[in-house]
Protein backbone atom coordinates (compact mmCIF):
# COMPACT_ATOMS: atom_id res chain seq x y z
CA GLN A 1 145.62 117.82 92.46
CA ASN A 2 143.87 115.21 94.36
CA THR A 3 140.27 116.34 94.88
CA SER A 4 138.68 112.99 96.29
CA ILE A 5 137.11 113.29 99.68
CA ALA A 6 137.30 110.47 102.23
CA GLU A 7 134.31 108.69 102.87
CA VAL A 8 134.12 109.64 106.72
CA ASP A 9 134.48 113.40 105.68
CA PHE A 10 131.56 113.10 103.39
CA GLU A 11 129.42 111.29 106.08
CA ASN A 12 130.37 114.10 108.56
CA PHE A 13 129.50 116.82 106.26
CA LYS A 14 126.39 114.92 105.32
CA ASN A 15 125.19 114.61 108.93
CA THR A 16 126.01 118.21 109.66
CA ILE A 17 123.73 119.28 106.94
CA ILE A 18 120.93 116.91 107.96
CA ASN A 19 121.20 117.96 111.51
CA LEU A 20 120.95 121.60 110.63
CA SER A 21 117.83 123.25 112.29
CA ALA A 22 116.80 125.10 108.98
CA PRO A 23 117.14 123.54 105.31
CA VAL A 24 120.10 124.48 103.48
CA GLY A 25 120.81 124.16 99.51
CA PHE A 26 122.04 120.61 99.86
CA THR A 27 119.56 119.39 102.82
CA TRP A 28 117.37 117.85 99.52
CA LEU A 29 120.39 115.95 98.22
CA PHE A 30 120.75 114.05 101.47
CA LYS A 31 117.41 113.05 101.87
CA THR A 32 116.56 109.45 101.65
CA GLU A 33 114.77 108.43 98.39
CA PRO A 34 111.12 107.76 99.07
CA GLU A 35 109.98 104.25 98.57
CA ILE A 36 107.97 103.73 95.51
CA GLU A 37 104.91 101.86 96.34
CA GLU A 38 104.22 98.99 93.86
CA ALA A 39 101.06 99.62 91.49
CA LYS A 40 98.06 98.89 93.19
CA PHE A 41 95.68 96.68 91.27
CA VAL A 42 92.51 98.60 90.57
CA LEU A 43 89.36 96.69 90.74
CA PRO A 44 87.37 97.48 87.86
CA THR A 45 83.83 98.52 88.40
CA ILE A 46 81.33 96.87 85.84
CA LYS A 47 79.92 100.39 85.31
CA SER A 48 83.02 101.60 84.49
CA PHE A 49 82.85 99.99 80.69
CA VAL A 50 79.31 99.25 80.20
CA GLN A 51 79.30 102.18 77.51
CA ASP A 52 81.99 100.32 75.63
CA CYS A 53 80.00 97.28 75.95
CA LYS A 54 76.83 99.07 74.66
CA ASN A 55 78.66 99.79 71.50
CA LEU A 56 79.75 96.50 70.73
CA VAL A 57 76.20 95.41 71.28
CA LYS A 58 74.96 97.79 68.55
CA LYS A 59 77.36 96.06 66.32
CA ASN A 60 75.97 92.43 67.39
CA ASP A 61 79.63 91.18 67.95
CA TYR A 62 79.01 88.88 70.56
CA GLU A 63 82.49 87.15 70.33
CA ALA A 64 83.98 90.73 70.87
CA ILE A 65 81.85 91.39 73.58
CA LYS A 66 82.79 88.09 75.15
CA LEU A 67 86.65 88.83 74.89
CA TYR A 68 86.20 92.36 76.23
CA LEU A 69 84.45 91.38 79.22
CA GLN A 70 87.09 88.71 79.97
CA SER A 71 89.77 91.23 79.53
CA LYS A 72 88.09 93.75 81.50
CA LEU A 73 86.75 91.70 84.49
CA TYR A 74 89.70 89.12 85.09
CA ILE A 75 90.93 89.23 88.66
CA PRO A 76 94.39 87.57 89.35
CA ASN A 77 94.51 85.09 92.22
CA ASN A 78 96.47 87.16 94.57
CA ILE A 79 93.93 89.99 94.12
CA VAL A 80 91.11 87.75 94.88
CA GLU A 81 92.67 86.68 98.06
CA GLN A 82 93.55 90.24 99.15
CA ILE A 83 90.05 91.37 98.62
CA ALA A 84 88.78 88.51 100.89
CA LYS A 85 91.18 89.97 103.51
CA GLU A 86 90.16 93.69 102.97
CA THR A 87 86.52 92.63 103.58
CA ILE A 88 86.57 90.78 106.45
CA GLY A 89 83.43 91.88 108.56
CA GLN A 90 81.49 91.77 105.71
CA ASN A 91 78.14 93.66 105.86
CA GLU A 92 79.91 96.10 108.64
CA ASN A 93 82.54 96.74 106.04
CA PRO A 94 82.06 99.63 103.46
CA LEU A 95 84.69 97.87 101.18
CA TRP A 96 82.44 94.78 101.46
CA PHE A 97 79.71 96.63 99.77
CA GLU A 98 81.71 98.41 97.11
CA TYR A 99 83.40 95.11 95.53
CA ARG A 100 79.95 93.38 95.93
CA LYS A 101 78.18 96.29 93.40
CA ASN A 102 77.17 94.98 89.93
CA ARG A 103 78.52 91.55 90.71
CA ILE A 104 76.28 88.52 90.85
CA THR A 105 76.83 87.19 94.53
CA ALA A 106 75.20 84.08 96.24
CA SER A 107 72.49 86.07 97.82
CA LYS A 108 71.49 87.61 94.27
CA PHE A 109 72.10 84.20 92.49
CA GLY A 110 68.69 82.70 92.62
CA ALA A 111 67.19 85.79 91.11
CA VAL A 112 69.56 86.15 88.29
CA LEU A 113 68.93 82.61 87.72
CA ALA A 114 65.22 82.82 87.56
CA ALA A 115 65.13 85.88 85.36
CA CYS A 116 67.54 83.71 82.76
CA LYS A 117 65.26 80.95 83.03
CA ARG A 118 62.26 83.28 82.16
CA GLY A 119 64.52 85.28 79.74
CA LYS A 120 63.19 88.32 81.17
CA PHE A 121 65.58 90.82 83.15
CA SER A 122 63.67 93.40 85.09
CA LYS A 123 65.04 97.05 86.03
CA SER A 124 64.47 95.98 89.81
CA LEU A 125 67.00 93.28 89.29
CA PHE A 126 69.61 95.24 87.79
CA LYS A 127 68.78 98.01 90.52
CA SER A 128 69.41 95.44 93.28
CA LEU A 129 72.83 94.26 91.61
CA GLU A 130 73.68 97.95 91.32
CA ASN A 131 72.68 99.04 94.77
CA ASN A 132 73.28 96.05 97.53
CA ALA A 133 73.17 98.49 100.60
CA ASN A 134 69.90 96.82 101.72
CA ILE A 135 70.79 93.32 101.52
CA LYS A 136 69.80 92.50 105.29
CA GLY A 137 66.02 92.08 104.17
CA ILE A 138 67.00 88.92 101.98
CA HIS A 139 66.25 85.94 103.95
CA ALA A 140 69.39 83.97 103.24
CA VAL A 141 71.36 87.10 104.49
CA GLN A 142 69.23 87.49 107.63
CA TRP A 143 69.29 83.63 108.52
CA GLY A 144 73.20 83.86 108.08
CA ILE A 145 73.46 86.88 110.47
CA THR A 146 71.22 85.13 113.03
CA ASN A 147 72.85 81.79 113.09
CA GLU A 148 76.27 82.40 112.13
CA ILE A 149 77.89 82.39 115.30
CA GLU A 150 76.26 79.22 116.64
CA GLY A 151 77.06 77.55 113.29
CA ILE A 152 80.76 78.32 113.52
CA LYS A 153 80.73 77.06 117.14
CA VAL A 154 79.05 73.77 116.19
CA LEU A 155 81.30 73.21 113.44
CA GLU A 156 84.27 73.86 115.11
CA GLU A 157 83.26 71.19 118.05
CA ASN A 158 81.68 68.62 115.64
CA GLU A 159 84.79 68.80 113.08
CA ASN A 160 87.78 69.78 115.49
CA VAL A 161 88.64 72.54 113.08
CA LYS A 162 89.27 76.26 113.16
CA VAL A 163 87.03 78.74 111.10
CA VAL A 164 88.80 81.74 110.15
CA SER A 165 86.99 84.82 109.21
CA THR A 166 86.95 86.11 105.73
CA GLY A 167 85.31 88.44 103.39
CA LEU A 168 84.04 88.70 99.94
CA TRP A 169 85.80 85.99 97.20
CA LEU A 170 85.54 86.88 93.73
CA SER A 171 85.90 84.49 90.95
CA ASN A 172 88.60 85.25 88.61
CA ASN A 173 85.95 86.08 86.06
CA GLY A 174 85.15 89.13 88.12
CA PHE A 175 81.39 89.02 88.21
CA LEU A 176 80.68 86.11 90.30
CA GLY A 177 81.30 86.40 94.26
CA ALA A 178 80.28 84.92 97.78
CA SER A 179 80.88 85.49 101.24
CA PRO A 180 81.56 82.15 103.01
């Protein structure tokens, strides 16, 4: 006995079931499969693995610390570019602040470099790296906010170029960043 069903009959049955006003037992079988989202890269926060690093410091295993940090902080180029797009608007964009946390950015680089030269790292330096919500008080940031529009206009006219807005650019090493 031939039990095969013609494709057209199957499609008619399927459409009848899908178009019913109330679901029936077969309804779920005919739903289209949901698209599986590609796994998104989760930008690691430095705070998320500080404890592991502290344990390595206790052992004085500086090579292990270096390798551990390199593996945890590395950001691939496509994610660097994605973050730059996601953070357009800079200090008006909450993601911009979030991705800057605990990273050495251009506005903090001078303070970090000075601390390195002195060999002394104040609690206030670490606090400023952790909470950068109040960066508008930094002279370089104030200057940039005040002069950015006019500077872009002059650059575009003098160099015959078009400046494209961008956000935070992180280095592949994951702990340096800048917002051009």
